[in-house]
C-alpha atoms as a PDB file:
ATOM      1  CA  MET A   1     -28.366 -42.061-224.157  1.00  0.00           C
ATOM      2  CA  GLY A   2     -30.985 -40.525-221.869  1.00  0.00           C
ATOM      3  CA  TYR A   3     -32.481 -40.643-218.387  1.00  0.00           C
ATOM      4  CA  ASP A   4     -34.572 -43.428-216.764  1.00  0.00           C
ATOM      5  CA  SER A   5     -37.802 -42.964-214.676  1.00  0.00           C
ATOM      6  CA  GLN A   6     -35.741 -42.293-211.630  1.00  0.00           C
ATOM      7  CA  GLY A   7     -33.875 -39.350-213.210  1.00  0.00           C
ATOM      8  CA  ASN A   8     -30.581 -41.210-213.626  1.00  0.00           C
ATOM      9  CA  PHE A   9     -28.409 -40.915-216.621  1.00  0.00           C
ATOM     10  CA  SER A  10     -28.619 -44.139-218.764  1.00  0.00           C
ATOM     11  CA  ARG A  11     -27.391 -45.642-221.957  1.00  0.00           C
ATOM     12  CA  LEU A  12     -27.697 -48.939-223.742  1.00  0.00           C
ATOM     13  CA  HIS A  13     -24.456 -50.517-222.348  1.00  0.00           C
ATOM     14  CA  ASN A  14     -23.869 -51.406-218.745  1.00  0.00           C
ATOM     15  CA  TRP A  15     -21.601 -48.989-216.825  1.00  0.00           C
ATOM     16  CA  GLU A  16     -19.606 -51.659-215.113  1.00  0.00           C
ATOM     17  CA  ASP A  17     -19.191 -53.706-218.262  1.00  0.00           C
ATOM     18  CA  ASP A  18     -17.949 -50.512-219.993  1.00  0.00           C
ATOM     19  CA  ARG A  19     -15.465 -49.920-217.179  1.00  0.00           C
ATOM     20  CA  ARG A  20     -14.133 -53.483-217.232  1.00  0.00           C
ATOM     21  CA  ASN A  21     -13.927 -53.501-221.032  1.00  0.00           C
ATOM     22  CA  ASP A  22     -12.491 -50.002-221.203  1.00  0.00           C
ATOM     23  CA  ILE A  23     -15.342 -48.933-223.422  1.00  0.00           C
ATOM     24  CA  GLU A  24     -15.919 -45.187-223.689  1.00  0.00           C
ATOM     25  CA  ILE A  25     -19.249 -43.426-224.272  1.00  0.00           C
ATOM     26  CA  VAL A  26     -19.767 -42.883-228.015  1.00  0.00           C
ATOM     27  CA  THR A  27     -22.518 -41.378-230.135  1.00  0.00           C
ATOM     28  CA  ASP A  28     -24.615 -43.273-232.728  1.00  0.00           C
ATOM     29  CA  HIS A  29     -23.493 -40.980-235.476  1.00  0.00           C
ATOM     30  CA  HIS A  30     -20.323 -38.938-235.627  1.00  0.00           C
ATOM     31  CA  ASP A  31     -20.370 -35.173-235.790  1.00  0.00           C
ATOM     32  CA  GLU A  32     -18.212 -32.650-233.972  1.00  0.00           C
ATOM     33  CA  GLU A  33     -21.027 -31.524-231.595  1.00  0.00           C
ATOM     34  CA  ASP A  34     -22.088 -35.069-230.523  1.00  0.00           C
ATOM     35  CA  ASP A  35     -18.504 -36.223-230.233  1.00  0.00           C
ATOM     36  CA  ASN A  36     -17.741 -33.345-227.912  1.00  0.00           C
ATOM     37  CA  PHE A  37     -20.777 -34.244-225.747  1.00  0.00           C
ATOM     38  CA  ALA A  38     -19.823 -37.892-225.566  1.00  0.00           C
ATOM     39  CA  ASN A  39     -16.179 -37.005-224.795  1.00  0.00           C
ATOM     40  CA  GLY A  40     -17.412 -34.647-221.991  1.00  0.00           C
ATOM     41  CA  LEU A  41     -19.515 -37.381-220.389  1.00  0.00           C
ATOM     42  CA  SER A  42     -16.573 -39.860-220.537  1.00  0.00           C
ATOM     43  CA  LEU A  43     -14.315 -37.322-218.762  1.00  0.00           C
ATOM     44  CA  CYS A  44     -16.951 -36.698-216.076  1.00  0.00           C
ATOM     45  CA  PHE A  45     -19.095 -39.760-215.477  1.00  0.00           C
ATOM     46  CA  LEU A  46     -16.800 -42.846-215.560  1.00  0.00           C
ATOM     47  CA  ARG A  47     -17.890 -44.664-212.388  1.00  0.00           C
ATOM     48  CA  ASP A  48     -14.358 -46.089-211.397  1.00  0.00           C
ATOM     49  CA  GLY A  49     -12.963 -42.523-210.911  1.00  0.00           C
ATOM     50  CA  ARG A  50     -10.203 -42.816-213.440  1.00  0.00           C
ATOM     51  CA  VAL A  51     -10.744 -39.318-214.625  1.00  0.00           C
ATOM     52  CA  ALA A  52     -11.335 -36.478-212.218  1.00  0.00           C
ATOM     53  CA  MET A  53     -13.872 -33.736-212.970  1.00  0.00           C
ATOM     54  CA  GLN A  54     -12.226 -30.866-214.703  1.00  0.00           C
ATOM     55  CA  ASP A  55     -14.393 -28.012-213.297  1.00  0.00           C
ATOM     56  CA  ASN A  56     -17.333 -27.295-210.973  1.00  0.00           C
ATOM     57  CA  PHE A  57     -20.388 -29.291-211.595  1.00  0.00           C
ATOM     58  CA  ASP A  58     -23.577 -27.213-212.114  1.00  0.00           C
ATOM     59  CA  ALA A  59     -26.647 -29.271-211.223  1.00  0.00           C
ATOM     60  CA  GLY A  60     -29.007 -26.620-212.736  1.00  0.00           C
ATOM     61  CA  ASN A  61     -31.255 -26.671-209.517  1.00  0.00           C
ATOM     62  CA  PHE A  62     -31.345 -30.387-209.501  1.00  0.00           C
ATOM     63  CA  GLN A  63     -30.188 -32.463-206.552  1.00  0.00           C
ATOM     64  CA  LEU A  64     -27.360 -35.099-206.290  1.00  0.00           C
ATOM     65  CA  LYS A  65     -29.192 -37.785-204.515  1.00  0.00           C
ATOM     66  CA  ASN A  66     -28.028 -40.928-202.592  1.00  0.00           C
ATOM     67  CA  VAL A  67     -24.484 -39.729-201.872  1.00  0.00           C
ATOM     68  CA  ARG A  68     -22.588 -42.494-200.055  1.00  0.00           C
ATOM     69  CA  ASP A  69     -21.094 -41.830-196.568  1.00  0.00           C
ATOM     70  CA  ALA A  70     -17.744 -39.905-196.733  1.00  0.00           C
ATOM     71  CA  THR A  71     -14.695 -41.881-195.727  1.00  0.00           C
ATOM     72  CA  LEU A  72     -11.784 -39.566-196.480  1.00  0.00           C
ATOM     73  CA  ASP A  73     -10.975 -36.153-195.089  1.00  0.00           C
ATOM     74  CA  LYS A  74     -11.699 -34.356-198.406  1.00  0.00           C
ATOM     75  CA  ASP A  75     -14.939 -36.332-199.233  1.00  0.00           C
ATOM     76  CA  ALA A  76     -18.191 -34.472-199.460  1.00  0.00           C
ATOM     77  CA  VAL A  77     -20.634 -35.576-196.778  1.00  0.00           C
ATOM     78  CA  ASN A  78     -24.357 -36.323-197.079  1.00  0.00           C
ATOM     79  CA  LEU A  79     -27.052 -34.696-195.034  1.00  0.00           C
ATOM     80  CA  LYS A  80     -27.349 -37.549-192.536  1.00  0.00           C
ATOM     81  CA  GLN A  81     -23.649 -37.517-191.851  1.00  0.00           C
ATOM     82  CA  LEU A  82     -23.667 -33.741-191.386  1.00  0.00           C
ATOM     83  CA  LYS A  83     -26.540 -33.852-188.938  1.00  0.00           C
ATOM     84  CA  ASP A  84     -24.918 -36.771-186.974  1.00  0.00           C
ATOM     85  CA  GLN A  85     -21.683 -34.672-186.820  1.00  0.00           C
ATOM     86  CA  ILE A  86     -23.551 -31.599-185.561  1.00  0.00           C
ATOM     87  CA  ASP A  87     -25.381 -33.542-182.868  1.00  0.00           C
ATOM     88  CA  GLU A  88     -22.097 -35.156-181.825  1.00  0.00           C
ATOM     89  CA  LEU A  89     -20.396 -31.786-181.665  1.00  0.00           C
ATOM     90  CA  LYS A  90     -23.262 -30.415-179.512  1.00  0.00           C
ATOM     91  CA  THR A  91     -22.933 -33.172-177.115  1.00  0.00           C
ATOM     92  CA  THR A  92     -19.179 -32.869-176.861  1.00  0.00           C
ATOM     93  CA  LEU A  93     -19.474 -29.015-176.234  1.00  0.00           C
ATOM     94  CA  LEU A  94     -22.049 -29.430-173.520  1.00  0.00           C
ATOM     95  CA  GLU A  95     -20.030 -32.170-171.818  1.00  0.00           C
ATOM     96  CA  ASN A  96     -16.945 -29.972-171.929  1.00  0.00           C
ATOM     97  CA  ILE A  97     -18.802 -27.036-170.630  1.00  0.00           C
ATOM     98  CA  ASN A  98     -20.244 -28.984-167.731  1.00  0.00           C
ATOM     99  CA  LYS A  99     -16.826 -30.502-166.960  1.00  0.00           C
ATOM    100  CA  GLY A 100     -15.276 -27.088-166.893  1.00  0.00           C
ATOM    101  CA  LEU A 101     -17.722 -26.006-164.055  1.00  0.00           C
ATOM    102  CA  LYS A 102     -16.799 -27.045-160.500  1.00  0.00           C
ATOM    103  CA  VAL A 103     -18.804 -28.081-157.610  1.00  0.00           C
ATOM    104  CA  GLY A 104     -19.900 -24.879-155.823  1.00  0.00           C
ATOM    105  CA  ASP A 105     -20.120 -22.882-159.007  1.00  0.00           C
ATOM    106  CA  ILE A 106     -23.261 -20.707-159.364  1.00  0.00           C
ATOM    107  CA  LYS A 107     -25.262 -20.080-162.456  1.00  0.00           C
ATOM    108  CA  VAL A 108     -28.394 -18.186-163.340  1.00  0.00           C
ATOM    109  CA  SER A 109     -31.082 -19.895-165.320  1.00  0.00           C
ATOM    110  CA  LEU A 110     -34.768 -19.933-166.272  1.00  0.00           C
ATOM    111  CA  GLN A 111     -34.973 -23.506-165.193  1.00  0.00           C
ATOM    112  CA  GLU A 112     -37.279 -23.822-162.273  1.00  0.00           C
ATOM    113  CA  ALA A 113     -36.116 -27.018-160.537  1.00  0.00           C
ATOM    114  CA  ASN A 114     -33.090 -29.093-159.762  1.00  0.00           C
ATOM    115  CA  HIS A 115     -31.509 -30.573-162.892  1.00  0.00           C
ATOM    116  CA  ASP A 116     -28.277 -32.343-164.082  1.00  0.00           C
ATOM    117  CA  ASN A 117     -26.384 -32.031-160.793  1.00  0.00           C
ATOM    118  CA  TRP A 118     -27.503 -28.454-160.330  1.00  0.00           C
ATOM    119  CA  LEU A 119     -29.542 -27.619-157.273  1.00  0.00           C
ATOM    120  CA  LEU A 120     -31.989 -24.643-156.953  1.00  0.00           C
ATOM    121  CA  CYS A 121     -30.605 -22.139-154.354  1.00  0.00           C
ATOM    122  CA  ASP A 122     -33.703 -21.879-152.245  1.00  0.00           C
ATOM    123  CA  GLY A 123     -32.092 -23.047-148.981  1.00  0.00           C
ATOM    124  CA  GLN A 124     -33.173 -26.599-149.507  1.00  0.00           C
ATOM    125  CA  GLU A 125     -31.942 -29.359-147.113  1.00  0.00           C
ATOM    126  CA  ILE A 126     -29.900 -32.118-148.834  1.00  0.00           C
ATOM    127  CA  SER A 127     -27.900 -35.208-147.719  1.00  0.00           C
ATOM    128  CA  ARG A 128     -24.309 -34.923-146.753  1.00  0.00           C
ATOM    129  CA  ALA A 129     -23.746 -38.495-148.010  1.00  0.00           C
ATOM    130  CA  ASP A 130     -25.378 -37.777-151.436  1.00  0.00           C
ATOM    131  CA  TYR A 131     -23.346 -34.560-152.024  1.00  0.00           C
ATOM    132  CA  PRO A 132     -20.072 -35.010-150.289  1.00  0.00           C
ATOM    133  CA  ASP A 133     -18.096 -32.721-152.602  1.00  0.00           C
ATOM    134  CA  LEU A 134     -20.524 -29.792-152.159  1.00  0.00           C
ATOM    135  CA  PHE A 135     -20.447 -30.334-148.343  1.00  0.00           C
ATOM    136  CA  LYS A 136     -16.638 -29.993-148.447  1.00  0.00           C
ATOM    137  CA  VAL A 137     -17.025 -26.667-150.234  1.00  0.00           C
ATOM    138  CA  ILE A 138     -19.819 -24.928-148.283  1.00  0.00           C
ATOM    139  CA  GLY A 139     -20.129 -27.071-145.071  1.00  0.00           C
ATOM    140  CA  ILE A 140     -22.866 -25.861-142.759  1.00  0.00           C
ATOM    141  CA  ASN A 141     -22.248 -22.141-143.565  1.00  0.00           C
ATOM    142  CA  PHE A 142     -25.750 -21.787-145.130  1.00  0.00           C
ATOM    143  CA  GLY A 143     -27.510 -24.083-142.569  1.00  0.00           C
ATOM    144  CA  GLU A 144     -26.642 -27.230-140.759  1.00  0.00           C
ATOM    145  CA  GLY A 145     -29.749 -29.234-141.835  1.00  0.00           C
ATOM    146  CA  ASN A 146     -30.664 -31.764-139.063  1.00  0.00           C
ATOM    147  CA  GLY A 147     -27.360 -31.318-137.479  1.00  0.00           C
ATOM    148  CA  THR A 148     -25.925 -34.728-138.434  1.00  0.00           C
ATOM    149  CA  THR A 149     -26.815 -36.089-141.911  1.00  0.00           C
ATOM    150  CA  THR A 150     -27.991 -33.126-143.846  1.00  0.00           C
ATOM    151  CA  PHE A 151     -27.007 -29.524-144.716  1.00  0.00           C
ATOM    152  CA  ASN A 152     -28.494 -26.600-146.656  1.00  0.00           C
ATOM    153  CA  VAL A 153     -27.766 -24.965-149.905  1.00  0.00           C
ATOM    154  CA  PRO A 154     -27.740 -21.106-150.151  1.00  0.00           C
ATOM    155  CA  ASP A 155     -31.047 -19.355-150.316  1.00  0.00           C
ATOM    156  CA  TYR A 156     -30.642 -16.566-152.988  1.00  0.00           C
ATOM    157  CA  ARG A 157     -34.402 -15.964-153.465  1.00  0.00           C
ATOM    158  CA  GLY A 158     -35.091 -12.205-153.721  1.00  0.00           C
ATOM    159  CA  LYS A 159     -31.355 -11.344-153.453  1.00  0.00           C
ATOM    160  CA  PHE A 160     -28.761  -9.758-155.691  1.00  0.00           C
ATOM    161  CA  LEU A 161     -25.274 -11.315-155.671  1.00  0.00           C
ATOM    162  CA  ARG A 162     -22.280  -9.085-155.494  1.00  0.00           C
ATOM    163  CA  GLY A 163     -18.406  -9.458-155.407  1.00  0.00           C
ATOM    164  CA  LEU A 164     -16.717 -10.145-152.159  1.00  0.00           C
ATOM    165  CA  GLY A 165     -14.734  -7.235-150.704  1.00  0.00           C
ATOM    166  CA  GLY A 166     -15.140  -3.609-150.742  1.00  0.00           C
ATOM    167  CA  ASP A 167     -18.042  -2.534-148.472  1.00  0.00           C
ATOM    168  CA  ALA A 168     -19.718  -5.990-148.792  1.00  0.00           C
ATOM    169  CA  GLU A 169     -20.023  -8.354-145.861  1.00  0.00           C
ATOM    170  CA  LYS A 170     -16.772 -10.037-144.702  1.00  0.00           C
ATOM    171  CA  ASP A 171     -17.607 -13.496-146.107  1.00  0.00           C
ATOM    172  CA  MET A 172     -19.750 -15.145-148.667  1.00  0.00           C
ATOM    173  CA  TYR A 173     -22.182 -16.619-146.129  1.00  0.00           C
ATOM    174  CA  THR A 174     -23.638 -13.595-144.427  1.00  0.00           C
ATOM    175  CA  THR A 175     -26.514 -11.707-145.967  1.00  0.00           C
ATOM    176  CA  GLN A 176     -26.108  -7.952-145.953  1.00  0.00           C
ATOM    177  CA  ALA A 177     -29.254  -6.118-144.877  1.00  0.00           C
ATOM    178  CA  GLU A 178     -30.826  -3.314-146.917  1.00  0.00           C
ATOM    179  CA  GLY A 179     -29.812   0.246-146.263  1.00  0.00           C
ATOM    180  CA  LEU A 180     -29.642   3.830-147.672  1.00  0.00           C
ATOM    181  CA  PRO A 181     -27.334   6.696-146.751  1.00  0.00           C
ATOM    182  CA  ASN A 182     -28.944   9.100-144.334  1.00  0.00           C
ATOM    183  CA  ALA A 183     -30.641  12.167-145.831  1.00  0.00           C
ATOM    184  CA  THR A 184     -30.281  15.424-143.995  1.00  0.00           C
ATOM    185  CA  GLY A 185     -31.254  19.013-144.376  1.00  0.00           C
ATOM    186  CA  THR A 186     -31.108  22.394-142.806  1.00  0.00           C
ATOM    187  CA  LEU A 187     -33.628  25.124-142.159  1.00  0.00           C
ATOM    188  CA  GLY A 188     -32.670  28.602-141.224  1.00  0.00           C
ATOM    189  CA  CYS A 189     -34.588  31.616-139.981  1.00  0.00           C
ATOM    190  CA  ASN A 190     -33.412  35.195-140.253  1.00  0.00           C
ATOM    191  CA  ASN A 191     -34.198  38.083-137.975  1.00  0.00           C
ATOM    192  CA  ARG A 192     -36.932  39.271-140.349  1.00  0.00           C
ATOM    193  CA  GLY A 193     -38.904  36.035-140.262  1.00  0.00           C
ATOM    194  CA  GLY A 194     -37.565  34.639-143.556  1.00  0.00           C
ATOM    195  CA  PHE A 195     -36.515  31.053-144.000  1.00  0.00           C
ATOM    196  CA  SER A 196     -33.659  29.461-145.939  1.00  0.00           C
ATOM    197  CA  ASN A 197     -33.378  25.748-146.712  1.00  0.00           C
ATOM    198  CA  ALA A 198     -30.767  23.178-147.867  1.00  0.00           C
ATOM    199  CA  GLY A 199     -30.319  19.480-148.272  1.00  0.00           C
ATOM    200  CA  GLY A 200     -33.610  17.457-147.692  1.00  0.00           C
ATOM    201  CA  MET A 201     -35.530  20.728-146.917  1.00  0.00           C
ATOM    202  CA  VAL A 202     -36.938  21.186-150.293  1.00  0.00           C
ATOM    203  CA  SER A 203     -39.919  23.495-149.781  1.00  0.00           C
ATOM    204  CA  ILE A 204     -41.267  26.052-147.402  1.00  0.00           C
ATOM    205  CA  ASP A 205     -45.031  26.801-147.189  1.00  0.00           C
ATOM    206  CA  SER A 206     -46.843  29.543-145.321  1.00  0.00           C
ATOM    207  CA  GLY A 207     -49.600  28.626-142.860  1.00  0.00           C
ATOM    208  CA  SER A 208     -50.249  28.482-139.251  1.00  0.00           C
ATOM    209  CA  VAL A 209     -47.770  27.060-136.775  1.00  0.00           C
ATOM    210  CA  ASN A 210     -48.823  25.183-133.678  1.00  0.00           C
ATOM    211  CA  VAL A 211     -46.577  26.315-130.843  1.00  0.00           C
ATOM    212  CA  GLY A 212     -47.908  24.064-128.057  1.00  0.00           C
ATOM    213  CA  THR A 213     -50.007  25.626-125.337  1.00  0.00           C
ATOM    214  CA  SER A 214     -50.195  28.930-127.126  1.00  0.00           C
ATOM    215  CA  GLY A 215     -52.102  27.207-130.041  1.00  0.00           C
ATOM    216  CA  PRO A 216     -51.572  28.055-133.669  1.00  0.00           C
ATOM    217  CA  ILE A 217     -50.140  31.320-134.722  1.00  0.00           C
ATOM    218  CA  ALA A 218     -51.612  32.794-137.866  1.00  0.00           C
ATOM    219  CA  GLY A 219     -49.137  33.772-140.518  1.00  0.00           C
ATOM    220  CA  GLY A 220     -46.488  31.338-139.435  1.00  0.00           C
ATOM    221  CA  MET A 221     -44.265  29.264-141.643  1.00  0.00           C
ATOM    222  CA  VAL A 222     -44.308  25.477-142.031  1.00  0.00           C
ATOM    223  CA  ALA A 223     -41.159  23.722-143.450  1.00  0.00           C
ATOM    224  CA  THR A 224     -41.751  20.280-145.234  1.00  0.00           C
ATOM    225  CA  PHE A 225     -39.397  17.502-145.775  1.00  0.00           C
ATOM    226  CA  ASP A 226     -39.991  15.629-149.013  1.00  0.00           C
ATOM    227  CA  LEU A 227     -36.991  14.003-150.897  1.00  0.00           C
ATOM    228  CA  SER A 228     -39.228  12.930-153.809  1.00  0.00           C
ATOM    229  CA  LYS A 229     -39.425  16.518-154.865  1.00  0.00           C
ATOM    230  CA  SER A 230     -35.707  16.473-155.558  1.00  0.00           C
ATOM    231  CA  ASN A 231     -35.423  12.928-157.058  1.00  0.00           C
ATOM    232  CA  GLU A 232     -38.288  10.682-158.219  1.00  0.00           C
ATOM    233  CA  LEU A 233     -36.453   7.590-157.041  1.00  0.00           C
ATOM    234  CA  PHE A 234     -37.381   8.545-153.417  1.00  0.00           C
ATOM    235  CA  GLY A 235     -40.834   7.256-152.544  1.00  0.00           C
ATOM    236  CA  ALA A 236     -41.147   4.879-155.540  1.00  0.00           C
ATOM    237  CA  SER A 237     -40.704   1.862-153.184  1.00  0.00           C
ATOM    238  CA  ASN A 238     -40.738   0.937-149.623  1.00  0.00           C
ATOM    239  CA  HIS A 239     -37.264  -0.579-149.906  1.00  0.00           C
ATOM    240  CA  VAL A 240     -34.215  -0.256-152.162  1.00  0.00           C
ATOM    241  CA  THR A 241     -35.261  -1.512-155.677  1.00  0.00           C
ATOM    242  CA  PRO A 242     -33.049  -1.111-158.702  1.00  0.00           C
ATOM    243  CA  ILE A 243     -34.713  -2.099-161.907  1.00  0.00           C
ATOM    244  CA  ASN A 244     -34.494  -5.775-162.240  1.00  0.00           C
ATOM    245  CA  GLN A 245     -35.845  -9.099-163.688  1.00  0.00           C
ATOM    246  CA  ALA A 246     -36.099 -12.283-161.689  1.00  0.00           C
ATOM    247  CA  VAL A 247     -34.103 -15.371-162.486  1.00  0.00           C
ATOM    248  CA  ASN A 248     -33.186 -18.556-160.566  1.00  0.00           C
ATOM    249  CA  TYR A 249     -29.754 -19.173-159.063  1.00  0.00           C
ATOM    250  CA  PHE A 250     -28.452 -22.792-159.100  1.00  0.00           C
ATOM    251  CA  ILE A 251     -25.365 -24.331-157.457  1.00  0.00           C
ATOM    252  CA  LYS A 252     -23.412 -27.152-158.935  1.00  0.00           C
ATOM    253  CA  ALA A 253     -23.660 -30.054-156.471  1.00  0.00           C
ATOM    254  CA  LYS A 254     -21.819 -32.962-158.185  1.00  0.00           C
ATOM    255  CA  GLU A 255     -19.081 -33.455-160.781  1.00  0.00           C
ATOM    256  CA  GLU A 256     -20.207 -35.057-164.096  1.00  0.00           C
ATOM    257  CA  ALA A 257     -20.100 -38.905-164.091  1.00  0.00           C
END
């Protein structure tokens, strides 16, 4: 008994002939150690599967090669079958996810152009005949196109999306303009020439005060208004800018085929 040049277990007799003739593996000379070894091989390696393995098989860092495709639920699978099953599972999952999303749904993505029935929300003009389901959902609310055969998708470039209701606009088609609450302050003067400040009035500096035709009066007081002294967010931008990172918005335009 031994191994051939391919690393396969071999012996003088043919395995299939042994099986048909019910010949067991034997040793050339009989002693207890060799008989136990031959008996172990007979229990584990009969090719017709008459005897099941009695314990886990330790391959000693070697590989079991050329495993046939599994056919029964409890069969081990080979690497190719496993890869095929994973690829099939991925395809099924993607199909189910796409089918679960409806025409008119919005997604964020790092994609840069139209893809897989998703259109970039950049206000583009599209055909009413080519996208009838989307036209039923949004109509001409984001633009009537040429007025007859086309319409426009939303243009969400440079915009944040928010939930409808509360102090948002009354519908999903109107863009709400930028705005900040008003900032106010008070400045008081007592009868001794002292000043008090509150709100947006954050500092009082001495200097000369111009009082029109009388010209500047030395020793007067100048009150300044500077909200950045009370909060560094003021003055950091010319418009309202929360910390952000840009993405693209897409709208689903067609159901899956």
